[in-house]
Structure formats: C-alpha cells, structure tokens
Amino acid sequence: MSADTAGTQYVAEFVDGPLEGDFEHRILVGGKPESRVGMVAAVDGLESVFWYDAIDEHHVNGQLRVRFRFDAGDSDPVESDEEND
C-alpha cells in the first residue's frame, strides 16, 4: 500500500463463514471502516452473497485492520447440492 492511500484504506479480515481466512483491502467510508459488508463469491459455480459484521478493529504495523464475523441468517445458503457433486 502506498503512503498516499494508507490513510484511506483498511484491511478486512474474515474470521469465519465461507470467506474464513481471507483478507481484503477496502476503502474507508467517511474516514471510518464499514460496520457491515456484503461479499459476492462463487460456491459450487453459483454466485452467492455473504454478509459480514464488524466485531473489532486494531492496528498492525500502523495499518488499520477490522475483523468481520459471518451473518449466516442474512446470507445466501452455503450448502452444496449433493445431487450435482
């Protein structure tokens, strides 16, 4: 990340759900990280929408990191279709 974007971005850490272990650089909105993000990902070849809620934030080497927890109730189902496997 360059010095001119360091103050406008943060790193989202996905701690569980289908994106568990993933990281993504995101843009601060109004100088703050989002409290909720919707992510689109392909599961078994089908696009699905997954919602994540911020649970905490911290700094690592001067970079803002926000941890997000999966909201299964508002997200598309993650189950695969056994008949197509």
C-alpha atoms as a PDB file:
ATOM      1  CA  MET A   1       0.000   0.000   0.000  1.00  0.00           C
ATOM      2  CA  SER A   2       1.474   3.379  -0.928  1.00  0.00           C
ATOM      3  CA  ALA A   3       1.779   6.226   1.550  1.00  0.00           C
ATOM      4  CA  ASP A   4      -0.905   8.286  -0.212  1.00  0.00           C
ATOM      5  CA  THR A   5      -3.545   5.547   0.240  1.00  0.00           C
ATOM      6  CA  ALA A   6      -2.520   4.364   3.732  1.00  0.00           C
ATOM      7  CA  GLY A   7      -4.939   6.760   5.464  1.00  0.00           C
ATOM      8  CA  THR A   8      -7.874   5.930   3.195  1.00  0.00           C
ATOM      9  CA  GLN A   9      -7.810   2.131   3.327  1.00  0.00           C
ATOM     10  CA  TYR A  10      -8.108  -0.660   5.851  1.00  0.00           C
ATOM     11  CA  VAL A  11      -7.729  -4.425   5.769  1.00  0.00           C
ATOM     12  CA  ALA A  12     -10.849  -6.541   6.317  1.00  0.00           C
ATOM     13  CA  GLU A  13     -10.173  -9.915   7.982  1.00  0.00           C
ATOM     14  CA  PHE A  14     -12.912 -12.537   7.621  1.00  0.00           C
ATOM     15  CA  VAL A  15     -12.789 -14.749  10.732  1.00  0.00           C
ATOM     16  CA  ASP A  16     -15.433 -17.356   9.856  1.00  0.00           C
ATOM     17  CA  GLY A  17     -18.018 -18.449   7.292  1.00  0.00           C
ATOM     18  CA  PRO A  18     -17.288 -19.162   3.632  1.00  0.00           C
ATOM     19  CA  LEU A  19     -14.577 -16.464   3.443  1.00  0.00           C
ATOM     20  CA  GLU A  20     -12.785 -17.574   6.619  1.00  0.00           C
ATOM     21  CA  GLY A  21      -9.100 -16.666   6.500  1.00  0.00           C
ATOM     22  CA  ASP A  22      -9.476 -14.203   3.608  1.00  0.00           C
ATOM     23  CA  PHE A  23      -8.196 -10.622   3.737  1.00  0.00           C
ATOM     24  CA  GLU A  24      -9.259  -7.700   1.550  1.00  0.00           C
ATOM     25  CA  HIS A  25      -8.129  -4.077   1.236  1.00  0.00           C
ATOM     26  CA  ARG A  26     -11.179  -1.820   1.482  1.00  0.00           C
ATOM     27  CA  ILE A  27     -11.729   1.938   1.336  1.00  0.00           C
ATOM     28  CA  LEU A  28     -12.705   3.890   4.448  1.00  0.00           C
ATOM     29  CA  VAL A  29     -16.169   5.456   4.123  1.00  0.00           C
ATOM     30  CA  GLY A  30     -16.349   8.894   5.719  1.00  0.00           C
ATOM     31  CA  GLY A  31     -12.996   8.178   7.352  1.00  0.00           C
ATOM     32  CA  LYS A  32     -14.294   5.019   9.045  1.00  0.00           C
ATOM     33  CA  PRO A  33     -14.406   1.305   8.214  1.00  0.00           C
ATOM     34  CA  GLU A  34     -17.766  -0.174   7.328  1.00  0.00           C
ATOM     35  CA  SER A  35     -19.700  -1.889  10.111  1.00  0.00           C
ATOM     36  CA  ARG A  36     -21.258  -4.363   7.642  1.00  0.00           C
ATOM     37  CA  VAL A  37     -20.065  -5.617   4.269  1.00  0.00           C
ATOM     38  CA  GLY A  38     -21.674  -7.748   1.595  1.00  0.00           C
ATOM     39  CA  MET A  39     -19.346 -10.020  -0.344  1.00  0.00           C
ATOM     40  CA  VAL A  40     -20.120 -11.924  -3.550  1.00  0.00           C
ATOM     41  CA  ALA A  41     -18.355 -15.254  -4.016  1.00  0.00           C
ATOM     42  CA  ALA A  42     -18.869 -18.352  -6.145  1.00  0.00           C
ATOM     43  CA  VAL A  43     -19.843 -21.528  -4.284  1.00  0.00           C
ATOM     44  CA  ASP A  44     -20.134 -24.641  -6.431  1.00  0.00           C
ATOM     45  CA  GLY A  45     -20.187 -22.382  -9.503  1.00  0.00           C
ATOM     46  CA  LEU A  46     -23.108 -20.245  -8.278  1.00  0.00           C
ATOM     47  CA  GLU A  47     -22.720 -16.632  -7.169  1.00  0.00           C
ATOM     48  CA  SER A  48     -23.753 -16.154  -3.558  1.00  0.00           C
ATOM     49  CA  VAL A  49     -23.993 -13.058  -1.348  1.00  0.00           C
ATOM     50  CA  PHE A  50     -22.438 -13.291   2.109  1.00  0.00           C
ATOM     51  CA  TRP A  51     -22.940 -10.636   4.801  1.00  0.00           C
ATOM     52  CA  TYR A  52     -20.320  -9.920   7.445  1.00  0.00           C
ATOM     53  CA  ASP A  53     -20.493  -7.663  10.517  1.00  0.00           C
ATOM     54  CA  ALA A  54     -17.509  -5.877  12.070  1.00  0.00           C
ATOM     55  CA  ILE A  55     -16.616  -7.249  15.507  1.00  0.00           C
ATOM     56  CA  ASP A  56     -13.467  -5.289  16.368  1.00  0.00           C
ATOM     57  CA  GLU A  57     -10.593  -3.283  14.958  1.00  0.00           C
ATOM     58  CA  HIS A  58      -6.894  -2.963  15.715  1.00  0.00           C
ATOM     59  CA  HIS A  59      -3.667  -1.673  14.176  1.00  0.00           C
ATOM     60  CA  VAL A  60      -0.874  -3.857  12.826  1.00  0.00           C
ATOM     61  CA  ASN A  61       2.321  -2.000  11.857  1.00  0.00           C
ATOM     62  CA  GLY A  62       0.324   1.232  11.616  1.00  0.00           C
ATOM     63  CA  GLN A  63      -2.343  -0.303   9.347  1.00  0.00           C
ATOM     64  CA  LEU A  64      -5.987  -0.453  10.433  1.00  0.00           C
ATOM     65  CA  ARG A  65      -7.426  -3.976  10.423  1.00  0.00           C
ATOM     66  CA  VAL A  66     -11.085  -4.795  11.046  1.00  0.00           C
ATOM     67  CA  ARG A  67     -12.283  -8.312  11.844  1.00  0.00           C
ATOM     68  CA  PHE A  68     -15.646  -9.388  10.399  1.00  0.00           C
ATOM     69  CA  ARG A  69     -17.934 -12.238  11.518  1.00  0.00           C
ATOM     70  CA  PHE A  70     -20.257 -14.108   9.126  1.00  0.00           C
ATOM     71  CA  ASP A  71     -24.010 -13.387   9.363  1.00  0.00           C
ATOM     72  CA  ALA A  72     -25.500 -16.687   8.174  1.00  0.00           C
ATOM     73  CA  GLY A  73     -29.096 -15.525   8.694  1.00  0.00           C
ATOM     74  CA  ASP A  74     -28.875 -12.726   6.122  1.00  0.00           C
ATOM     75  CA  SER A  75     -26.555 -14.547   3.707  1.00  0.00           C
ATOM     76  CA  ASP A  76     -27.297 -16.958   0.882  1.00  0.00           C
ATOM     77  CA  PRO A  77     -27.170 -20.624   1.956  1.00  0.00           C
ATOM     78  CA  VAL A  78     -23.715 -22.223   1.813  1.00  0.00           C
ATOM     79  CA  GLU A  79     -24.850 -25.837   1.417  1.00  0.00           C
ATOM     80  CA  SER A  80     -23.777 -27.623  -1.748  1.00  0.00           C
ATOM     81  CA  ASP A  81     -26.228 -29.595  -3.859  1.00  0.00           C
ATOM     82  CA  GLU A  82     -25.330 -33.270  -3.245  1.00  0.00           C
ATOM     83  CA  GLU A  83     -27.054 -34.429  -6.471  1.00  0.00           C
ATOM     84  CA  ASN A  84     -24.720 -32.316  -8.635  1.00  0.00           C
ATOM     85  CA  ASP A  85     -21.490 -33.409  -6.926  1.00  0.00           C
END
